[in-house]
């Protein structure tokens, strides 16, 4: 995760230095709304009954 976050933070920092803070803030807000809409549209998948039985019938 750090391999992605550190370079991304550097790139965004350079963007803010060059363009000001309004561009990155607007982009972050728009992508946040898009991600919320995508996740709200997803349905939870019910596990298969066979997998549930395997975990229930397991003896520890």
N, C-alpha and C. Protein backbone atom coordinates (compact mmCIF):
# COMPACT_ATOMS: atom_id res chain seq x y z
N UNK A 1 0.82 -1.18 0.00
CA UNK A 1 0.00 0.00 0.00
C UNK A 1 0.88 1.25 0.00
N UNK A 2 1.96 1.20 0.72
CA UNK A 2 2.86 2.34 0.77
C UNK A 2 3.50 2.64 -0.58
N UNK A 3 3.71 1.57 -1.37
CA UNK A 3 4.29 1.76 -2.70
C UNK A 3 3.37 2.59 -3.59
N UNK A 4 2.08 2.55 -3.32
CA UNK A 4 1.12 3.33 -4.10
C UNK A 4 0.91 4.71 -3.48
N UNK A 5 0.81 4.77 -2.17
CA UNK A 5 0.42 6.01 -1.50
C UNK A 5 1.52 7.08 -1.53
N UNK A 6 2.76 6.68 -1.33
CA UNK A 6 3.85 7.66 -1.27
C UNK A 6 4.06 8.37 -2.61
N UNK A 7 4.17 7.65 -3.73
CA UNK A 7 4.29 8.37 -5.00
C UNK A 7 3.05 9.18 -5.35
N UNK A 8 1.87 8.67 -5.01
CA UNK A 8 0.64 9.40 -5.28
C UNK A 8 0.59 10.70 -4.47
N UNK A 9 1.02 10.66 -3.23
CA UNK A 9 1.06 11.87 -2.40
C UNK A 9 2.06 12.88 -2.98
N UNK A 10 3.16 12.40 -3.48
CA UNK A 10 4.14 13.29 -4.11
C UNK A 10 3.56 13.96 -5.34
N UNK A 11 2.90 13.16 -6.19
CA UNK A 11 2.31 13.71 -7.42
C UNK A 11 1.22 14.74 -7.09
N UNK A 12 0.38 14.43 -6.13
CA UNK A 12 -0.68 15.36 -5.75
C UNK A 12 -0.08 16.62 -5.12
N UNK A 13 0.98 16.47 -4.34
CA UNK A 13 1.65 17.63 -3.77
C UNK A 13 2.22 18.55 -4.84
N UNK A 14 2.83 17.95 -5.86
CA UNK A 14 3.34 18.77 -6.97
C UNK A 14 2.20 19.46 -7.71
N UNK A 15 1.08 18.75 -7.86
CA UNK A 15 -0.09 19.31 -8.54
C UNK A 15 -0.63 20.51 -7.75
N UNK A 16 -0.72 20.36 -6.43
CA UNK A 16 -1.20 21.46 -5.59
C UNK A 16 -0.26 22.66 -5.67
N UNK A 17 1.06 22.39 -5.66
CA UNK A 17 2.03 23.49 -5.75
C UNK A 17 1.89 24.24 -7.07
N UNK A 18 1.61 23.51 -8.13
CA UNK A 18 1.55 24.14 -9.44
C UNK A 18 0.21 24.80 -9.75
N UNK A 19 -0.88 24.19 -9.33
CA UNK A 19 -2.19 24.67 -9.76
C UNK A 19 -3.02 25.29 -8.64
N UNK A 20 -2.57 25.20 -7.42
CA UNK A 20 -3.40 25.65 -6.30
C UNK A 20 -4.22 24.49 -5.77
N UNK A 21 -4.97 24.75 -4.72
CA UNK A 21 -5.65 23.64 -4.06
C UNK A 21 -7.03 23.33 -4.62
N UNK A 22 -7.61 24.18 -5.44
CA UNK A 22 -8.99 23.95 -5.87
C UNK A 22 -9.11 22.76 -6.82
N UNK A 23 -8.17 22.58 -7.73
CA UNK A 23 -8.24 21.47 -8.69
C UNK A 23 -8.21 20.10 -8.01
N UNK A 24 -7.21 19.84 -7.16
CA UNK A 24 -7.17 18.55 -6.47
C UNK A 24 -8.37 18.33 -5.54
N UNK A 25 -8.86 19.39 -4.90
CA UNK A 25 -10.02 19.23 -4.02
C UNK A 25 -11.28 18.88 -4.81
N UNK A 26 -11.47 19.52 -5.94
CA UNK A 26 -12.64 19.22 -6.77
C UNK A 26 -12.52 17.81 -7.33
N UNK A 27 -11.34 17.42 -7.78
CA UNK A 27 -11.14 16.07 -8.30
C UNK A 27 -11.38 15.02 -7.22
N UNK A 28 -10.89 15.27 -6.02
CA UNK A 28 -11.12 14.34 -4.91
C UNK A 28 -12.58 14.22 -4.57
N UNK A 29 -13.30 15.33 -4.58
CA UNK A 29 -14.73 15.30 -4.28
C UNK A 29 -15.50 14.52 -5.34
N UNK A 30 -15.16 14.76 -6.61
CA UNK A 30 -15.87 14.07 -7.70
C UNK A 30 -15.59 12.58 -7.66
N UNK A 31 -14.33 12.18 -7.49
CA UNK A 31 -14.02 10.75 -7.44
C UNK A 31 -14.62 10.10 -6.20
N UNK A 32 -14.72 10.83 -5.10
CA UNK A 32 -15.36 10.29 -3.90
C UNK A 32 -16.84 10.02 -4.12
N UNK A 33 -17.52 10.95 -4.77
CA UNK A 33 -18.94 10.76 -5.07
C UNK A 33 -19.13 9.59 -6.03
N UNK A 34 -18.27 9.49 -7.03
CA UNK A 34 -18.38 8.38 -7.98
C UNK A 34 -18.17 7.04 -7.27
N UNK A 35 -17.19 6.96 -6.38
CA UNK A 35 -16.95 5.70 -5.68
C UNK A 35 -18.10 5.34 -4.76
N UNK A 36 -18.71 6.34 -4.11
CA UNK A 36 -19.87 6.07 -3.25
C UNK A 36 -21.03 5.56 -4.08
N UNK A 37 -21.27 6.16 -5.24
CA UNK A 37 -22.35 5.70 -6.11
C UNK A 37 -22.10 4.28 -6.61
N UNK A 38 -20.86 3.96 -6.93
CA UNK A 38 -20.54 2.60 -7.38
C UNK A 38 -20.78 1.60 -6.26
N UNK A 39 -20.32 1.90 -5.05
CA UNK A 39 -20.47 0.96 -3.95
C UNK A 39 -21.92 0.85 -3.48
N UNK A 40 -22.71 1.90 -3.62
CA UNK A 40 -24.13 1.82 -3.26
C UNK A 40 -24.89 0.94 -4.24
N UNK A 41 -24.44 0.88 -5.47
CA UNK A 41 -25.11 0.07 -6.48
C UNK A 41 -24.75 -1.40 -6.42
N UNK A 42 -23.74 -1.75 -5.64
CA UNK A 42 -23.32 -3.16 -5.55
C UNK A 42 -24.21 -3.92 -4.59
N UNK A 43 -24.42 -5.20 -4.89
CA UNK A 43 -25.19 -6.06 -4.01
C UNK A 43 -24.24 -7.01 -3.29
N UNK A 44 -24.60 -7.36 -2.08
CA UNK A 44 -23.81 -8.32 -1.33
C UNK A 44 -24.11 -9.72 -1.86
N UNK A 45 -23.07 -10.48 -2.08
CA UNK A 45 -23.23 -11.84 -2.59
C UNK A 45 -23.40 -12.78 -1.42
N UNK A 46 -24.43 -13.61 -1.48
CA UNK A 46 -24.65 -14.57 -0.41
C UNK A 46 -23.73 -15.76 -0.60
N UNK A 47 -23.13 -16.24 0.48
CA UNK A 47 -22.23 -17.40 0.34
C UNK A 47 -23.02 -18.65 -0.02
N UNK A 48 -22.35 -19.56 -0.69
CA UNK A 48 -23.00 -20.81 -1.05
C UNK A 48 -23.32 -21.63 0.19
N UNK A 49 -24.38 -22.37 0.13
CA UNK A 49 -24.80 -23.18 1.27
C UNK A 49 -23.75 -24.24 1.58
N UNK A 50 -23.12 -24.77 0.55
CA UNK A 50 -22.11 -25.80 0.75
C UNK A 50 -20.95 -25.27 1.59
N UNK A 51 -20.50 -24.07 1.33
CA UNK A 51 -19.40 -23.49 2.10
C UNK A 51 -19.84 -23.22 3.53
N UNK A 52 -21.08 -22.80 3.73
CA UNK A 52 -21.57 -22.57 5.08
C UNK A 52 -21.59 -23.88 5.86
N UNK A 53 -22.02 -24.97 5.24
CA UNK A 53 -22.08 -26.25 5.92
C UNK A 53 -20.69 -26.73 6.31
N UNK A 54 -19.70 -26.47 5.49
CA UNK A 54 -18.34 -26.89 5.81
C UNK A 54 -17.85 -26.20 7.08
N UNK A 55 -18.14 -24.93 7.23
CA UNK A 55 -17.69 -24.21 8.41
C UNK A 55 -18.50 -24.56 9.65
N UNK A 56 -19.78 -24.86 9.49
CA UNK A 56 -20.63 -25.20 10.62
C UNK A 56 -20.29 -26.60 11.13
N UNK A 57 -20.02 -27.51 10.23
CA UNK A 57 -19.77 -28.91 10.62
C UNK A 57 -18.33 -29.18 11.02
N UNK A 58 -17.48 -28.18 10.98
CA UNK A 58 -16.09 -28.35 11.38
C UNK A 58 -15.99 -28.55 12.87
N UNK A 59 -15.16 -29.47 13.27
CA UNK A 59 -14.93 -29.71 14.71
C UNK A 59 -13.54 -29.20 15.06
N UNK A 60 -13.46 -28.42 16.09
CA UNK A 60 -12.18 -27.82 16.47
C UNK A 60 -11.52 -28.61 17.54
